[in-house]
Amino acid sequence: MTDHYLDLIYLHQDTIYRAYSDFADKQPIILLHLKDTKVYAYPVSDFKATLSPRSQKSLDREYSLAVKNGDIVVFVRDDDNRQLVSVSIPAEPTVANK
């Protein structure tokens, strides 16, 4: 993940955390869609179904580790650059993230 995408996640972190909080009991995947500048919360199974088999395996590993560590998985979809990247962030904002 490039610093550019991390910067965008931090720019939209309030919305990301609000979306996660609204569905925290379902441990959703969060998607930051850059083209329409929206944040979505998806059940992991629904989001996983949109991925290739290789990406599904990668998501399984990242999601399991994120849940174990109390993190959330955030995907950034950049249609202009044909990128879909993910990162795990703390489920609660930290002082450094504010």
C-alpha atoms as a PDB file:
ATOM      1  CA  MET A   1       0.000   0.000   0.000  1.00  0.00           C
ATOM      2  CA  THR A   2       1.328   3.394  -0.888  1.00  0.00           C
ATOM      3  CA  ASP A   3       1.423   6.345   1.450  1.00  0.00           C
ATOM      4  CA  HIS A   4      -1.104   8.012  -0.852  1.00  0.00           C
ATOM      5  CA  TYR A   5      -3.750   5.400  -0.010  1.00  0.00           C
ATOM      6  CA  LEU A   6      -2.927   5.546   3.699  1.00  0.00           C
ATOM      7  CA  ASP A   7      -3.313   9.319   3.572  1.00  0.00           C
ATOM      8  CA  LEU A   8      -6.746   8.866   1.986  1.00  0.00           C
ATOM      9  CA  ILE A   9      -7.764   6.404   4.688  1.00  0.00           C
ATOM     10  CA  TYR A  10      -6.754   8.884   7.380  1.00  0.00           C
ATOM     11  CA  LEU A  11      -8.530  11.686   5.525  1.00  0.00           C
ATOM     12  CA  HIS A  12     -11.759   9.657   5.629  1.00  0.00           C
ATOM     13  CA  GLN A  13     -11.145   7.942   8.964  1.00  0.00           C
ATOM     14  CA  ASP A  14     -14.138   9.493  10.742  1.00  0.00           C
ATOM     15  CA  THR A  15     -16.492   8.075   8.120  1.00  0.00           C
ATOM     16  CA  ILE A  16     -14.629   4.750   8.082  1.00  0.00           C
ATOM     17  CA  TYR A  17     -14.893   4.369  11.856  1.00  0.00           C
ATOM     18  CA  ARG A  18     -18.544   5.419  11.830  1.00  0.00           C
ATOM     19  CA  ALA A  19     -19.369   2.843   9.130  1.00  0.00           C
ATOM     20  CA  TYR A  20     -17.508   0.160  11.048  1.00  0.00           C
ATOM     21  CA  SER A  21     -19.180   1.135  14.317  1.00  0.00           C
ATOM     22  CA  ASP A  22     -22.645   0.941  12.753  1.00  0.00           C
ATOM     23  CA  PHE A  23     -22.033  -2.722  11.842  1.00  0.00           C
ATOM     24  CA  ALA A  24     -19.288  -3.728  14.308  1.00  0.00           C
ATOM     25  CA  ASP A  25     -21.261  -6.719  15.564  1.00  0.00           C
ATOM     26  CA  LYS A  26     -20.961  -8.177  12.037  1.00  0.00           C
ATOM     27  CA  GLN A  27     -17.221  -7.398  11.753  1.00  0.00           C
ATOM     28  CA  PRO A  28     -17.593  -5.877   8.273  1.00  0.00           C
ATOM     29  CA  ILE A  29     -15.103  -5.199   5.546  1.00  0.00           C
ATOM     30  CA  ILE A  30     -14.851  -1.464   4.879  1.00  0.00           C
ATOM     31  CA  LEU A  31     -14.474  -0.190   1.327  1.00  0.00           C
ATOM     32  CA  LEU A  32     -13.327   3.331   0.525  1.00  0.00           C
ATOM     33  CA  HIS A  33     -14.372   3.902  -3.075  1.00  0.00           C
ATOM     34  CA  LEU A  34     -12.337   6.778  -4.471  1.00  0.00           C
ATOM     35  CA  LYS A  35     -14.322   7.439  -7.640  1.00  0.00           C
ATOM     36  CA  ASP A  36     -17.514   8.335  -5.760  1.00  0.00           C
ATOM     37  CA  THR A  37     -15.730   9.220  -2.489  1.00  0.00           C
ATOM     38  CA  LYS A  38     -17.951   6.949  -0.424  1.00  0.00           C
ATOM     39  CA  VAL A  39     -17.355   4.489   2.369  1.00  0.00           C
ATOM     40  CA  TYR A  40     -19.212   1.183   2.416  1.00  0.00           C
ATOM     41  CA  ALA A  41     -19.463  -1.578   5.028  1.00  0.00           C
ATOM     42  CA  TYR A  42     -19.925  -5.101   3.647  1.00  0.00           C
ATOM     43  CA  PRO A  43     -20.404  -8.460   5.290  1.00  0.00           C
ATOM     44  CA  VAL A  44     -17.138 -10.294   4.711  1.00  0.00           C
ATOM     45  CA  SER A  45     -18.837 -13.110   2.766  1.00  0.00           C
ATOM     46  CA  ASP A  46     -20.516 -10.676   0.359  1.00  0.00           C
ATOM     47  CA  PHE A  47     -17.313  -8.751  -0.263  1.00  0.00           C
ATOM     48  CA  LYS A  48     -15.271 -11.922  -0.595  1.00  0.00           C
ATOM     49  CA  ALA A  49     -17.631 -13.181  -3.322  1.00  0.00           C
ATOM     50  CA  THR A  50     -16.598 -10.245  -5.537  1.00  0.00           C
ATOM     51  CA  LEU A  51     -12.929 -11.231  -5.463  1.00  0.00           C
ATOM     52  CA  SER A  52     -10.868 -13.664  -7.494  1.00  0.00           C
ATOM     53  CA  PRO A  53     -10.027 -17.007  -5.839  1.00  0.00           C
ATOM     54  CA  ARG A  54      -6.457 -15.814  -5.197  1.00  0.00           C
ATOM     55  CA  SER A  55      -7.683 -12.578  -3.614  1.00  0.00           C
ATOM     56  CA  GLN A  56     -10.216 -14.533  -1.551  1.00  0.00           C
ATOM     57  CA  LYS A  57      -7.400 -16.550   0.015  1.00  0.00           C
ATOM     58  CA  SER A  58      -5.457 -13.380   0.723  1.00  0.00           C
ATOM     59  CA  LEU A  59      -8.540 -11.813   2.312  1.00  0.00           C
ATOM     60  CA  ASP A  60      -9.080 -14.910   4.471  1.00  0.00           C
ATOM     61  CA  ARG A  61      -5.561 -14.556   5.888  1.00  0.00           C
ATOM     62  CA  GLU A  62      -5.748 -10.805   6.401  1.00  0.00           C
ATOM     63  CA  TYR A  63      -9.263 -10.881   7.847  1.00  0.00           C
ATOM     64  CA  SER A  64      -8.444 -13.688  10.326  1.00  0.00           C
ATOM     65  CA  LEU A  65      -5.383 -11.827  11.550  1.00  0.00           C
ATOM     66  CA  ALA A  66      -7.293  -8.530  11.760  1.00  0.00           C
ATOM     67  CA  VAL A  67     -10.076 -10.063  13.854  1.00  0.00           C
ATOM     68  CA  LYS A  68      -7.517 -11.751  16.109  1.00  0.00           C
ATOM     69  CA  ASN A  69      -5.763  -8.394  16.631  1.00  0.00           C
ATOM     70  CA  GLY A  70      -8.945  -6.371  17.020  1.00  0.00           C
ATOM     71  CA  ASP A  71      -8.391  -4.539  13.724  1.00  0.00           C
ATOM     72  CA  ILE A  72     -10.595  -3.741  10.762  1.00  0.00           C
ATOM     73  CA  VAL A  73      -9.825  -4.463   7.134  1.00  0.00           C
ATOM     74  CA  VAL A  74     -10.153  -1.452   4.867  1.00  0.00           C
ATOM     75  CA  PHE A  75     -10.026  -1.753   1.093  1.00  0.00           C
ATOM     76  CA  VAL A  76      -9.356   1.229  -1.130  1.00  0.00           C
ATOM     77  CA  ARG A  77     -10.785   0.958  -4.643  1.00  0.00           C
ATOM     78  CA  ASP A  78      -9.044   3.241  -7.119  1.00  0.00           C
ATOM     79  CA  ASP A  79     -10.772   2.683 -10.445  1.00  0.00           C
ATOM     80  CA  ASP A  80      -8.691   5.317 -12.241  1.00  0.00           C
ATOM     81  CA  ASN A  81      -5.483   3.413 -11.480  1.00  0.00           C
ATOM     82  CA  ARG A  82      -7.115  -0.030 -11.505  1.00  0.00           C
ATOM     83  CA  GLN A  83      -6.074  -0.707  -7.918  1.00  0.00           C
ATOM     84  CA  LEU A  84      -7.787  -2.500  -5.065  1.00  0.00           C
ATOM     85  CA  VAL A  85      -5.568  -2.420  -2.012  1.00  0.00           C
ATOM     86  CA  SER A  86      -6.180  -3.381   1.584  1.00  0.00           C
ATOM     87  CA  VAL A  87      -4.826  -2.524   4.972  1.00  0.00           C
ATOM     88  CA  SER A  88      -5.745  -3.452   8.523  1.00  0.00           C
ATOM     89  CA  ILE A  89      -6.155  -0.558  10.926  1.00  0.00           C
ATOM     90  CA  PRO A  90      -7.000  -0.464  14.638  1.00  0.00           C
ATOM     91  CA  ALA A  91     -10.733  -0.808  15.298  1.00  0.00           C
ATOM     92  CA  GLU A  92     -10.474   2.263  17.514  1.00  0.00           C
ATOM     93  CA  PRO A  93      -8.791   5.455  16.345  1.00  0.00           C
ATOM     94  CA  THR A  94      -5.476   6.064  18.035  1.00  0.00           C
ATOM     95  CA  VAL A  95      -4.130   9.457  18.996  1.00  0.00           C
ATOM     96  CA  ALA A  96      -1.680   9.269  16.072  1.00  0.00           C
ATOM     97  CA  ASN A  97      -4.578   8.678  13.672  1.00  0.00           C
ATOM     98  CA  LYS A  98      -6.645  11.635  14.854  1.00  0.00           C
END
